[in-house]
Amino acid sequence: MGLTECVNKTDDYQKMAGTAAVFVIADLAAGIPVERDGPRWSAKELHLDQNFDAGEHKSPMASVLALEGLEDYDPPKHGDIRLIQSMDACFIYSQTARAWVQLP
């Protein structure tokens, strides 16, 4: 299974509280601070139907909050992946949505 097929496996995301553009898989959000009253986002709304096979694996980060400031010193490219150590989860960058989205 290619990366694009893996990304499209999940169709229900919630935005993390306190972030502008970090989305986690809604079914795995227990214990994660998400916008509880906020909308759920589909893979299509986050533009996850695009090709992500050209991205790079970037160095791990301690927290999802660190993803928020990357544009200033290490601008992400479409398909870049980062491991977030505090969640033991990987996030992929969608250039069209300008958002980081948790991988299944």
PDB file of N, CA and C in Angstrom:
ATOM      1  N   MET A   1       0.854  -1.175   0.000  1.00  0.00           N
ATOM      2  CA  MET A   1       0.000   0.000   0.000  1.00  0.00           C
ATOM      3  C   MET A   1       0.899   1.236   0.000  1.00  0.00           C
ATOM      4  N   GLY A   2       0.679   2.160  -0.948  1.00  0.00           N
ATOM      5  CA  GLY A   2       1.454   3.393  -1.023  1.00  0.00           C
ATOM      6  C   GLY A   2       1.016   4.388   0.036  1.00  0.00           C
ATOM      7  N   LEU A   3       1.806   5.421   0.180  1.00  0.00           N
ATOM      8  CA  LEU A   3       1.514   6.441   1.190  1.00  0.00           C
ATOM      9  C   LEU A   3       0.174   7.114   0.942  1.00  0.00           C
ATOM     10  N   THR A   4      -0.135   7.411  -0.309  1.00  0.00           N
ATOM     11  CA  THR A   4      -1.403   8.074  -0.625  1.00  0.00           C
ATOM     12  C   THR A   4      -2.588   7.217  -0.203  1.00  0.00           C
ATOM     13  N   GLU A   5      -2.527   5.910  -0.440  1.00  0.00           N
ATOM     14  CA  GLU A   5      -3.623   5.025  -0.033  1.00  0.00           C
ATOM     15  C   GLU A   5      -3.749   4.973   1.481  1.00  0.00           C
ATOM     16  N   CYS A   6      -2.629   4.983   2.182  1.00  0.00           N
ATOM     17  CA  CYS A   6      -2.637   4.962   3.651  1.00  0.00           C
ATOM     18  C   CYS A   6      -3.295   6.223   4.198  1.00  0.00           C
ATOM     19  N   VAL A   7      -2.978   7.379   3.625  1.00  0.00           N
ATOM     20  CA  VAL A   7      -3.540   8.651   4.078  1.00  0.00           C
ATOM     21  C   VAL A   7      -5.043   8.662   3.897  1.00  0.00           C
ATOM     22  N   ASN A   8      -5.520   8.104   2.811  1.00  0.00           N
ATOM     23  CA  ASN A   8      -6.948   8.146   2.512  1.00  0.00           C
ATOM     24  C   ASN A   8      -7.767   7.103   3.270  1.00  0.00           C
ATOM     25  N   LYS A   9      -7.132   6.302   4.123  1.00  0.00           N
ATOM     26  CA  LYS A   9      -7.840   5.264   4.865  1.00  0.00           C
ATOM     27  C   LYS A   9      -8.799   5.833   5.914  1.00  0.00           C
ATOM     28  N   THR A  10      -8.502   6.986   6.459  1.00  0.00           N
ATOM     29  CA  THR A  10      -9.286   7.583   7.527  1.00  0.00           C
ATOM     30  C   THR A  10     -10.059   8.766   6.976  1.00  0.00           C
ATOM     31  N   ASP A  11     -11.291   8.954   7.453  1.00  0.00           N
ATOM     32  CA  ASP A  11     -12.104  10.034   6.908  1.00  0.00           C
ATOM     33  C   ASP A  11     -12.767  10.868   7.993  1.00  0.00           C
ATOM     34  N   ASP A  12     -12.165  10.960   9.164  1.00  0.00           N
ATOM     35  CA  ASP A  12     -12.781  11.707  10.243  1.00  0.00           C
ATOM     36  C   ASP A  12     -11.680  12.287  11.135  1.00  0.00           C
ATOM     37  N   TYR A  13     -11.507  13.599  11.084  1.00  0.00           N
ATOM     38  CA  TYR A  13     -10.445  14.264  11.825  1.00  0.00           C
ATOM     39  C   TYR A  13     -11.022  15.383  12.684  1.00  0.00           C
ATOM     40  N   GLN A  14     -10.288  15.711  13.761  1.00  0.00           N
ATOM     41  CA  GLN A  14     -10.631  16.853  14.596  1.00  0.00           C
ATOM     42  C   GLN A  14      -9.392  17.725  14.732  1.00  0.00           C
ATOM     43  N   LYS A  15      -9.619  19.040  14.823  1.00  0.00           N
ATOM     44  CA  LYS A  15      -8.506  19.966  14.985  1.00  0.00           C
ATOM     45  C   LYS A  15      -8.062  19.969  16.435  1.00  0.00           C
ATOM     46  N   MET A  16      -6.750  19.959  16.642  1.00  0.00           N
ATOM     47  CA  MET A  16      -6.230  20.019  18.003  1.00  0.00           C
ATOM     48  C   MET A  16      -6.475  21.400  18.584  1.00  0.00           C
ATOM     49  N   ALA A  17      -6.869  21.426  19.827  1.00  0.00           N
ATOM     50  CA  ALA A  17      -7.096  22.690  20.522  1.00  0.00           C
ATOM     51  C   ALA A  17      -5.788  23.465  20.610  1.00  0.00           C
ATOM     52  N   GLY A  18      -5.879  24.764  20.428  1.00  0.00           N
ATOM     53  CA  GLY A  18      -4.702  25.611  20.553  1.00  0.00           C
ATOM     54  C   GLY A  18      -3.813  25.635  19.328  1.00  0.00           C
ATOM     55  N   THR A  19      -4.227  25.009  18.249  1.00  0.00           N
ATOM     56  CA  THR A  19      -3.429  25.015  17.026  1.00  0.00           C
ATOM     57  C   THR A  19      -4.232  25.623  15.889  1.00  0.00           C
ATOM     58  N   ALA A  20      -3.518  26.121  14.905  1.00  0.00           N
ATOM     59  CA  ALA A  20      -4.185  26.689  13.735  1.00  0.00           C
ATOM     60  C   ALA A  20      -4.488  25.622  12.695  1.00  0.00           C
ATOM     61  N   ALA A  21      -3.617  24.620  12.595  1.00  0.00           N
ATOM     62  CA  ALA A  21      -3.772  23.666  11.497  1.00  0.00           C
ATOM     63  C   ALA A  21      -3.103  22.328  11.777  1.00  0.00           C
ATOM     64  N   VAL A  22      -3.462  21.705  12.899  1.00  0.00           N
ATOM     65  CA  VAL A  22      -2.990  20.355  13.209  1.00  0.00           C
ATOM     66  C   VAL A  22      -4.223  19.506  13.469  1.00  0.00           C
ATOM     67  N   PHE A  23      -4.369  18.427  12.692  1.00  0.00           N
ATOM     68  CA  PHE A  23      -5.562  17.598  12.764  1.00  0.00           C
ATOM     69  C   PHE A  23      -5.201  16.176  13.184  1.00  0.00           C
ATOM     70  N   VAL A  24      -5.992  15.624  14.108  1.00  0.00           N
ATOM     71  CA  VAL A  24      -5.773  14.258  14.586  1.00  0.00           C
ATOM     72  C   VAL A  24      -6.962  13.391  14.194  1.00  0.00           C
ATOM     73  N   ILE A  25      -6.708  12.087  14.109  1.00  0.00           N
ATOM     74  CA  ILE A  25      -7.767  11.134  13.778  1.00  0.00           C
ATOM     75  C   ILE A  25      -8.786  11.144  14.915  1.00  0.00           C
ATOM     76  N   ALA A  26     -10.033  11.405  14.586  1.00  0.00           N
ATOM     77  CA  ALA A  26     -11.079  11.580  15.605  1.00  0.00           C
ATOM     78  C   ALA A  26     -11.232  10.339  16.481  1.00  0.00           C
ATOM     79  N   ASP A  27     -11.147   9.146  15.906  1.00  0.00           N
ATOM     80  CA  ASP A  27     -11.323   7.919  16.689  1.00  0.00           C
ATOM     81  C   ASP A  27     -10.195   7.698  17.688  1.00  0.00           C
ATOM     82  N   LEU A  28      -9.058   8.351  17.491  1.00  0.00           N
ATOM     83  CA  LEU A  28      -7.906   8.191  18.382  1.00  0.00           C
ATOM     84  C   LEU A  28      -7.725   9.394  19.293  1.00  0.00           C
ATOM     85  N   ALA A  29      -8.684  10.309  19.309  1.00  0.00           N
ATOM     86  CA  ALA A  29      -8.532  11.585  20.005  1.00  0.00           C
ATOM     87  C   ALA A  29      -8.799  11.521  21.509  1.00  0.00           C
ATOM     88  N   ALA A  30      -9.156  10.378  22.047  1.00  0.00           N
ATOM     89  CA  ALA A  30      -9.395  10.281  23.493  1.00  0.00           C
ATOM     90  C   ALA A  30      -8.114  10.662  24.231  1.00  0.00           C
ATOM     91  N   GLY A  31      -8.230  11.596  25.147  1.00  0.00           N
ATOM     92  CA  GLY A  31      -7.073  12.016  25.925  1.00  0.00           C
ATOM     93  C   GLY A  31      -6.211  13.055  25.228  1.00  0.00           C
ATOM     94  N   ILE A  32      -6.579  13.450  24.016  1.00  0.00           N
ATOM     95  CA  ILE A  32      -5.842  14.476  23.277  1.00  0.00           C
ATOM     96  C   ILE A  32      -6.703  15.738  23.280  1.00  0.00           C
ATOM     97  N   PRO A  33      -6.103  16.880  23.563  1.00  0.00           N
ATOM     98  CA  PRO A  33      -6.915  18.110  23.586  1.00  0.00           C
ATOM     99  C   PRO A  33      -7.340  18.530  22.175  1.00  0.00           C
ATOM    100  N   VAL A  34      -8.564  18.212  21.826  1.00  0.00           N
ATOM    101  CA  VAL A  34      -9.117  18.612  20.527  1.00  0.00           C
ATOM    102  C   VAL A  34     -10.260  19.586  20.771  1.00  0.00           C
ATOM    103  N   GLU A  35     -10.659  20.263  19.725  1.00  0.00           N
ATOM    104  CA  GLU A  35     -11.797  21.163  19.822  1.00  0.00           C
ATOM    105  C   GLU A  35     -13.064  20.310  19.882  1.00  0.00           C
ATOM    106  N   ARG A  36     -13.519  20.021  21.071  1.00  0.00           N
ATOM    107  CA  ARG A  36     -14.639  19.094  21.285  1.00  0.00           C
ATOM    108  C   ARG A  36     -15.926  19.538  20.599  1.00  0.00           C
ATOM    109  N   ASP A  37     -16.177  20.834  20.597  1.00  0.00           N
ATOM    110  CA  ASP A  37     -17.391  21.340  19.962  1.00  0.00           C
ATOM    111  C   ASP A  37     -17.157  21.744  18.513  1.00  0.00           C
ATOM    112  N   GLY A  38     -15.935  21.595  18.073  1.00  0.00           N
ATOM    113  CA  GLY A  38     -15.601  21.983  16.700  1.00  0.00           C
ATOM    114  C   GLY A  38     -16.070  20.932  15.703  1.00  0.00           C
ATOM    115  N   PRO A  39     -16.051  21.288  14.435  1.00  0.00           N
ATOM    116  CA  PRO A  39     -16.503  20.353  13.407  1.00  0.00           C
ATOM    117  C   PRO A  39     -15.520  19.198  13.224  1.00  0.00           C
ATOM    118  N   ARG A  40     -16.024  18.143  12.650  1.00  0.00           N
ATOM    119  CA  ARG A  40     -15.152  17.048  12.216  1.00  0.00           C
ATOM    120  C   ARG A  40     -14.842  17.300  10.752  1.00  0.00           C
ATOM    121  N   TRP A  41     -13.649  16.986  10.368  1.00  0.00           N
ATOM    122  CA  TRP A  41     -13.181  17.251   9.018  1.00  0.00           C
ATOM    123  C   TRP A  41     -13.011  15.931   8.275  1.00  0.00           C
ATOM    124  N   SER A  42     -13.363  15.927   7.024  1.00  0.00           N
ATOM    125  CA  SER A  42     -13.175  14.722   6.202  1.00  0.00           C
ATOM    126  C   SER A  42     -11.807  14.791   5.523  1.00  0.00           C
ATOM    127  N   ALA A  43     -11.361  13.646   5.044  1.00  0.00           N
ATOM    128  CA  ALA A  43     -10.108  13.592   4.299  1.00  0.00           C
ATOM    129  C   ALA A  43     -10.179  14.487   3.072  1.00  0.00           C
ATOM    130  N   LYS A  44     -11.327  14.531   2.442  1.00  0.00           N
ATOM    131  CA  LYS A  44     -11.492  15.376   1.244  1.00  0.00           C
ATOM    132  C   LYS A  44     -11.366  16.860   1.601  1.00  0.00           C
ATOM    133  N   GLU A  45     -11.952  17.276   2.724  1.00  0.00           N
ATOM    134  CA  GLU A  45     -11.857  18.680   3.135  1.00  0.00           C
ATOM    135  C   GLU A  45     -10.423  19.085   3.452  1.00  0.00           C
ATOM    136  N   LEU A  46      -9.610  18.124   3.893  1.00  0.00           N
ATOM    137  CA  LEU A  46      -8.205  18.394   4.199  1.00  0.00           C
ATOM    138  C   LEU A  46      -7.303  18.132   2.994  1.00  0.00           C
ATOM    139  N   HIS A  47      -7.923  17.865   1.842  1.00  0.00           N
ATOM    140  CA  HIS A  47      -7.207  17.640   0.574  1.00  0.00           C
ATOM    141  C   HIS A  47      -6.267  16.436   0.641  1.00  0.00           C
ATOM    142  N   LEU A  48      -6.712  15.397   1.332  1.00  0.00           N
ATOM    143  CA  LEU A  48      -5.881  14.200   1.451  1.00  0.00           C
ATOM    144  C   LEU A  48      -6.039  13.261   0.264  1.00  0.00           C
ATOM    145  N   ASP A  49      -6.803  13.697  -0.732  1.00  0.00           N
ATOM    146  CA  ASP A  49      -6.963  12.883  -1.932  1.00  0.00           C
ATOM    147  C   ASP A  49      -5.855  13.180  -2.950  1.00  0.00           C
ATOM    148  N   GLN A  50      -4.894  13.995  -2.567  1.00  0.00           N
ATOM    149  CA  GLN A  50      -3.783  14.331  -3.454  1.00  0.00           C
ATOM    150  C   GLN A  50      -2.648  13.329  -3.311  1.00  0.00           C
ATOM    151  N   ASN A  51      -1.684  13.401  -4.212  1.00  0.00           N
ATOM    152  CA  ASN A  51      -0.523  12.520  -4.168  1.00  0.00           C
ATOM    153  C   ASN A  51       0.465  13.029  -3.118  1.00  0.00           C
ATOM    154  N   PHE A  52       0.833  12.171  -2.179  1.00  0.00           N
ATOM    155  CA  PHE A  52       1.764  12.531  -1.112  1.00  0.00           C
ATOM    156  C   PHE A  52       3.096  11.793  -1.223  1.00  0.00           C
ATOM    157  N   ASP A  53       3.318  11.092  -2.306  1.00  0.00           N
ATOM    158  CA  ASP A  53       4.477  10.208  -2.407  1.00  0.00           C
ATOM    159  C   ASP A  53       5.805  10.935  -2.556  1.00  0.00           C
ATOM    160  N   ALA A  54       5.821  12.251  -2.719  1.00  0.00           N
ATOM    161  CA  ALA A  54       7.069  12.980  -2.940  1.00  0.00           C
ATOM    162  C   ALA A  54       7.657  13.596  -1.671  1.00  0.00           C
ATOM    163  N   GLY A  55       7.005  13.444  -0.546  1.00  0.00           N
ATOM    164  CA  GLY A  55       7.480  14.075   0.685  1.00  0.00           C
ATOM    165  C   GLY A  55       8.690  13.391   1.282  1.00  0.00           C
ATOM    166  N   GLU A  56       9.289  14.043   2.268  1.00  0.00           N
ATOM    167  CA  GLU A  56      10.468  13.521   2.964  1.00  0.00           C
ATOM    168  C   GLU A  56      10.138  13.229   4.424  1.00  0.00           C
ATOM    169  N   HIS A  57      10.846  12.277   5.002  1.00  0.00           N
ATOM    170  CA  HIS A  57      10.765  12.046   6.445  1.00  0.00           C
ATOM    171  C   HIS A  57      11.699  13.048   7.101  1.00  0.00           C
ATOM    172  N   LYS A  58      11.141  13.892   7.936  1.00  0.00           N
ATOM    173  CA  LYS A  58      11.913  14.923   8.631  1.00  0.00           C
ATOM    174  C   LYS A  58      12.222  14.460  10.053  1.00  0.00           C
ATOM    175  N   SER A  59      13.083  15.202  10.738  1.00  0.00           N
ATOM    176  CA  SER A  59      13.471  14.818  12.095  1.00  0.00           C
ATOM    177  C   SER A  59      12.263  14.869  13.038  1.00  0.00           C
ATOM    178  N   PRO A  60      12.243  13.972  14.023  1.00  0.00           N
ATOM    179  CA  PRO A  60      11.125  13.929  14.990  1.00  0.00           C
ATOM    180  C   PRO A  60      11.053  15.213  15.806  1.00  0.00           C
ATOM    181  N   MET A  61       9.852  15.458  16.326  1.00  0.00           N
ATOM    182  CA  MET A  61       9.625  16.614  17.190  1.00  0.00           C
ATOM    183  C   MET A  61       8.963  16.132  18.479  1.00  0.00           C
ATOM    184  N   ALA A  62       9.160  16.860  19.540  1.00  0.00           N
ATOM    185  CA  ALA A  62       8.641  16.452  20.844  1.00  0.00           C
ATOM    186  C   ALA A  62       7.131  16.588  20.945  1.00  0.00           C
ATOM    187  N   SER A  63       6.566  17.646  20.364  1.00  0.00           N
ATOM    188  CA  SER A  63       5.153  17.965  20.570  1.00  0.00           C
ATOM    189  C   SER A  63       4.531  18.496  19.288  1.00  0.00           C
ATOM    190  N   VAL A  64       3.215  18.316  19.151  1.00  0.00           N
ATOM    191  CA  VAL A  64       2.527  18.840  17.973  1.00  0.00           C
ATOM    192  C   VAL A  64       2.565  20.360  17.932  1.00  0.00           C
ATOM    193  N   LEU A  65       2.686  20.998  19.072  1.00  0.00           N
ATOM    194  CA  LEU A  65       2.759  22.455  19.087  1.00  0.00           C
ATOM    195  C   LEU A  65       3.992  22.957  18.340  1.00  0.00           C
ATOM    196  N   ALA A  66       5.038  22.145  18.277  1.00  0.00           N
ATOM    197  CA  ALA A  66       6.244  22.526  17.540  1.00  0.00           C
ATOM    198  C   ALA A  66       5.992  22.596  16.037  1.00  0.00           C
ATOM    199  N   LEU A  67       4.977  21.892  15.547  1.00  0.00           N
ATOM    200  CA  LEU A  67       4.650  21.938  14.118  1.00  0.00           C
ATOM    201  C   LEU A  67       4.179  23.326  13.702  1.00  0.00           C
ATOM    202  N   GLU A  68       3.592  24.050  14.627  1.00  0.00           N
ATOM    203  CA  GLU A  68       2.994  25.346  14.330  1.00  0.00           C
ATOM    204  C   GLU A  68       3.999  26.379  13.833  1.00  0.00           C
ATOM    205  N   GLY A  69       5.224  26.363  14.315  1.00  0.00           N
ATOM    206  CA  GLY A  69       6.185  27.403  13.946  1.00  0.00           C
ATOM    207  C   GLY A  69       7.152  27.025  12.851  1.00  0.00           C
ATOM    208  N   LEU A  70       6.974  25.874  12.241  1.00  0.00           N
ATOM    209  CA  LEU A  70       7.943  25.412  11.251  1.00  0.00           C
ATOM    210  C   LEU A  70       8.060  26.319  10.035  1.00  0.00           C
ATOM    211  N   GLU A  71       6.996  27.002   9.657  1.00  0.00           N
ATOM    212  CA  GLU A  71       7.031  27.844   8.460  1.00  0.00           C
ATOM    213  C   GLU A  71       8.117  28.911   8.570  1.00  0.00           C
ATOM    214  N   ASP A  72       8.460  29.309   9.790  1.00  0.00           N
ATOM    215  CA  ASP A  72       9.444  30.367   9.984  1.00  0.00           C
ATOM    216  C   ASP A  72      10.884  29.900   9.785  1.00  0.00           C
ATOM    217  N   TYR A  73      11.214  28.669  10.180  1.00  0.00           N
ATOM    218  CA  TYR A  73      12.611  28.257  10.120  1.00  0.00           C
ATOM    219  C   TYR A  73      12.867  26.978   9.325  1.00  0.00           C
ATOM    220  N   ASP A  74      11.869  26.187   9.059  1.00  0.00           N
ATOM    221  CA  ASP A  74      12.028  24.969   8.259  1.00  0.00           C
ATOM    222  C   ASP A  74      10.723  24.709   7.508  1.00  0.00           C
ATOM    223  N   PRO A  75      10.426  25.539   6.503  1.00  0.00           N
ATOM    224  CA  PRO A  75       9.130  25.447   5.830  1.00  0.00           C
ATOM    225  C   PRO A  75       8.848  24.042   5.299  1.00  0.00           C
ATOM    226  N   PRO A  76       7.688  23.472   5.668  1.00  0.00           N
ATOM    227  CA  PRO A  76       7.369  22.123   5.192  1.00  0.00           C
ATOM    228  C   PRO A  76       6.977  22.135   3.722  1.00  0.00           C
ATOM    229  N   LYS A  77       7.203  21.001   3.091  1.00  0.00           N
ATOM    230  CA  LYS A  77       6.779  20.804   1.707  1.00  0.00           C
ATOM    231  C   LYS A  77       5.676  19.754   1.695  1.00  0.00           C
ATOM    232  N   HIS A  78       4.873  19.768   0.655  1.00  0.00           N
ATOM    233  CA  HIS A  78       3.769  18.824   0.519  1.00  0.00           C
ATOM    234  C   HIS A  78       4.283  17.392   0.647  1.00  0.00           C
ATOM    235  N   GLY A  79       3.697  16.653   1.578  1.00  0.00           N
ATOM    236  CA  GLY A  79       4.060  15.259   1.774  1.00  0.00           C
ATOM    237  C   GLY A  79       5.122  15.010   2.825  1.00  0.00           C
ATOM    238  N   ASP A  80       5.703  16.074   3.406  1.00  0.00           N
ATOM    239  CA  ASP A  80       6.689  15.882   4.475  1.00  0.00           C
ATOM    240  C   ASP A  80       6.029  15.194   5.663  1.00  0.00           C
ATOM    241  N   ILE A  81       6.787  14.331   6.315  1.00  0.00           N
ATOM    242  CA  ILE A  81       6.273  13.559   7.455  1.00  0.00           C
ATOM    243  C   ILE A  81       7.167  13.807   8.664  1.00  0.00           C
ATOM    244  N   ARG A  82       6.534  14.007   9.812  1.00  0.00           N
ATOM    245  CA  ARG A  82       7.271  14.137  11.074  1.00  0.00           C
ATOM    246  C   ARG A  82       6.647  13.252  12.138  1.00  0.00           C
ATOM    247  N   LEU A  83       7.508  12.568  12.880  1.00  0.00           N
ATOM    248  CA  LEU A  83       7.083  11.802  14.046  1.00  0.00           C
ATOM    249  C   LEU A  83       6.955  12.770  15.211  1.00  0.00           C
ATOM    250  N   ILE A  84       5.831  12.704  15.908  1.00  0.00           N
ATOM    251  CA  ILE A  84       5.624  13.497  17.121  1.00  0.00           C
ATOM    252  C   ILE A  84       5.781  12.542  18.294  1.00  0.00           C
ATOM    253  N   GLN A  85       6.870  12.718  19.015  1.00  0.00           N
ATOM    254  CA  GLN A  85       7.255  11.761  20.057  1.00  0.00           C
ATOM    255  C   GLN A  85       6.263  11.677  21.204  1.00  0.00           C
ATOM    256  N   SER A  86       5.664  12.782  21.606  1.00  0.00           N
ATOM    257  CA  SER A  86       4.746  12.761  22.745  1.00  0.00           C
ATOM    258  C   SER A  86       3.492  11.934  22.449  1.00  0.00           C
ATOM    259  N   MET A  87       3.151  11.793  21.161  1.00  0.00           N
ATOM    260  CA  MET A  87       1.970  11.019  20.767  1.00  0.00           C
ATOM    261  C   MET A  87       2.334   9.684  20.133  1.00  0.00           C
ATOM    262  N   ASP A  88       3.616   9.496  19.837  1.00  0.00           N
ATOM    263  CA  ASP A  88       4.078   8.319  19.099  1.00  0.00           C
ATOM    264  C   ASP A  88       3.250   8.156  17.823  1.00  0.00           C
ATOM    265  N   ALA A  89       3.117   9.268  17.093  1.00  0.00           N
ATOM    266  CA  ALA A  89       2.311   9.289  15.870  1.00  0.00           C
ATOM    267  C   ALA A  89       3.003  10.150  14.828  1.00  0.00           C
ATOM    268  N   CYS A  90       2.759   9.815  13.572  1.00  0.00           N
ATOM    269  CA  CYS A  90       3.314  10.584  12.461  1.00  0.00           C
ATOM    270  C   CYS A  90       2.255  11.513  11.880  1.00  0.00           C
ATOM    271  N   PHE A  91       2.726  12.669  11.424  1.00  0.00           N
ATOM    272  CA  PHE A  91       1.871  13.662  10.789  1.00  0.00           C
ATOM    273  C   PHE A  91       2.442  13.991   9.421  1.00  0.00           C
ATOM    274  N   ILE A  92       1.549  14.198   8.451  1.00  0.00           N
ATOM    275  CA  ILE A  92       1.942  14.536   7.088  1.00  0.00           C
ATOM    276  C   ILE A  92       1.454  15.941   6.777  1.00  0.00           C
ATOM    277  N   TYR A  93       2.239  16.668   5.987  1.00  0.00           N
ATOM    278  CA  TYR A  93       1.879  18.049   5.662  1.00  0.00           C
ATOM    279  C   TYR A  93       1.132  18.105   4.333  1.00  0.00           C
ATOM    280  N   SER A  94      -0.036  18.724   4.347  1.00  0.00           N
ATOM    281  CA  SER A  94      -0.813  18.966   3.133  1.00  0.00           C
ATOM    282  C   SER A  94      -0.636  20.433   2.759  1.00  0.00           C
ATOM    283  N   GLN A  95       0.067  20.676   1.653  1.00  0.00           N
ATOM    284  CA  GLN A  95       0.319  22.047   1.212  1.00  0.00           C
ATOM    285  C   GLN A  95      -0.982  22.770   0.866  1.00  0.00           C
ATOM    286  N   THR A  96      -1.906  22.080   0.217  1.00  0.00           N
ATOM    287  CA  THR A  96      -3.159  22.713  -0.191  1.00  0.00           C
ATOM    288  C   THR A  96      -3.970  23.160   1.022  1.00  0.00           C
ATOM    289  N   ALA A  97      -4.043  22.323   2.046  1.00  0.00           N
ATOM    290  CA  ALA A  97      -4.778  22.671   3.264  1.00  0.00           C
ATOM    291  C   ALA A  97      -3.944  23.510   4.221  1.00  0.00           C
ATOM    292  N   ARG A  98      -2.633  23.574   3.955  1.00  0.00           N
ATOM    293  CA  ARG A  98      -1.684  24.239   4.864  1.00  0.00           C
ATOM    294  C   ARG A  98      -1.879  23.715   6.287  1.00  0.00           C
ATOM    295  N   ALA A  99      -1.869  22.360   6.384  1.00  0.00           N
ATOM    296  CA  ALA A  99      -2.152  21.709   7.663  1.00  0.00           C
ATOM    297  C   ALA A  99      -1.322  20.440   7.819  1.00  0.00           C
ATOM    298  N   TRP A 100      -1.076  20.085   9.070  1.00  0.00           N
ATOM    299  CA  TRP A 100      -0.460  18.808   9.430  1.00  0.00           C
ATOM    300  C   TRP A 100      -1.577  17.857   9.832  1.00  0.00           C
ATOM    301  N   VAL A 101      -1.570  16.648   9.280  1.00  0.00           N
ATOM    302  CA  VAL A 101      -2.641  15.691   9.511  1.00  0.00           C
ATOM    303  C   VAL A 101      -2.038  14.372   9.979  1.00  0.00           C
ATOM    304  N   GLN A 102      -2.611  13.811  11.045  1.00  0.00           N
ATOM    305  CA  GLN A 102      -2.117  12.558  11.613  1.00  0.00           C
ATOM    306  C   GLN A 102      -2.323  11.422  10.623  1.00  0.00           C
ATOM    307  N   LEU A 103      -1.293  10.580  10.505  1.00  0.00           N
ATOM    308  CA  LEU A 103      -1.390   9.395   9.660  1.00  0.00           C
ATOM    309  C   LEU A 103      -2.021   8.236  10.435  1.00  0.00           C
ATOM    310  N   PRO A 104      -2.803   7.409   9.751  1.00  0.00           N
ATOM    311  CA  PRO A 104      -3.389   6.231  10.424  1.00  0.00           C
ATOM    312  C   PRO A 104      -2.327   5.213  10.788  1.00  0.00           C
TER     313      PRO A 104
END
